[in-house]
C-alpha atoms as a PDB file:
ATOM      1  CA  UNK A   1       1.605 -13.263 -12.450  1.00  0.00           C
ATOM      2  CA  UNK A   2       1.082 -13.773  -8.706  1.00  0.00           C
ATOM      3  CA  UNK A   3       2.506 -10.300  -8.090  1.00  0.00           C
ATOM      4  CA  UNK A   4      -0.201  -8.685 -10.268  1.00  0.00           C
ATOM      5  CA  UNK A   5      -3.022 -10.540  -8.518  1.00  0.00           C
ATOM      6  CA  UNK A   6      -1.720  -9.433  -5.110  1.00  0.00           C
ATOM      7  CA  UNK A   7      -1.510  -5.783  -6.160  1.00  0.00           C
ATOM      8  CA  UNK A   8      -5.247  -5.750  -6.907  1.00  0.00           C
ATOM      9  CA  UNK A   9      -6.554  -6.804  -3.440  1.00  0.00           C
ATOM     10  CA  UNK A  10      -3.875  -4.765  -1.692  1.00  0.00           C
ATOM     11  CA  UNK A  11      -5.132  -1.606  -3.406  1.00  0.00           C
ATOM     12  CA  UNK A  12      -8.556  -2.072  -1.803  1.00  0.00           C
ATOM     13  CA  UNK A  13      -7.117  -3.090   1.565  1.00  0.00           C
ATOM     14  CA  UNK A  14      -4.738  -0.145   1.413  1.00  0.00           C
ATOM     15  CA  UNK A  15      -7.767   2.003   2.317  1.00  0.00           C
ATOM     16  CA  UNK A  16      -8.182   0.027   5.550  1.00  0.00           C
ATOM     17  CA  UNK A  17      -4.556   0.326   6.619  1.00  0.00           C
ATOM     18  CA  UNK A  18      -3.803  -3.192   7.968  1.00  0.00           C
ATOM     19  CA  UNK A  19      -2.331  -4.478   4.677  1.00  0.00           C
ATOM     20  CA  UNK A  20       0.275  -1.713   4.822  1.00  0.00           C
ATOM     21  CA  UNK A  21       2.094  -3.905   7.381  1.00  0.00           C
ATOM     22  CA  UNK A  22       1.853  -7.005   5.185  1.00  0.00           C
ATOM     23  CA  UNK A  23       2.867  -5.329   1.918  1.00  0.00           C
ATOM     24  CA  UNK A  24       4.602  -2.056   2.883  1.00  0.00           C
ATOM     25  CA  UNK A  25       6.385  -2.049  -0.487  1.00  0.00           C
ATOM     26  CA  UNK A  26       3.154  -2.218  -2.493  1.00  0.00           C
ATOM     27  CA  UNK A  27       1.206   0.110  -0.175  1.00  0.00           C
ATOM     28  CA  UNK A  28       3.860   2.804  -0.565  1.00  0.00           C
ATOM     29  CA  UNK A  29       3.375   2.719  -4.343  1.00  0.00           C
ATOM     30  CA  UNK A  30      -0.366   3.255  -3.909  1.00  0.00           C
END
């Protein structure tokens, strides 16, 4: 379940760009 909660905030941060370095695997999917 932790993976689903992290995908939610990452989607919003993905717009910023900094999270792409923390979760490159999830950012690529977005």
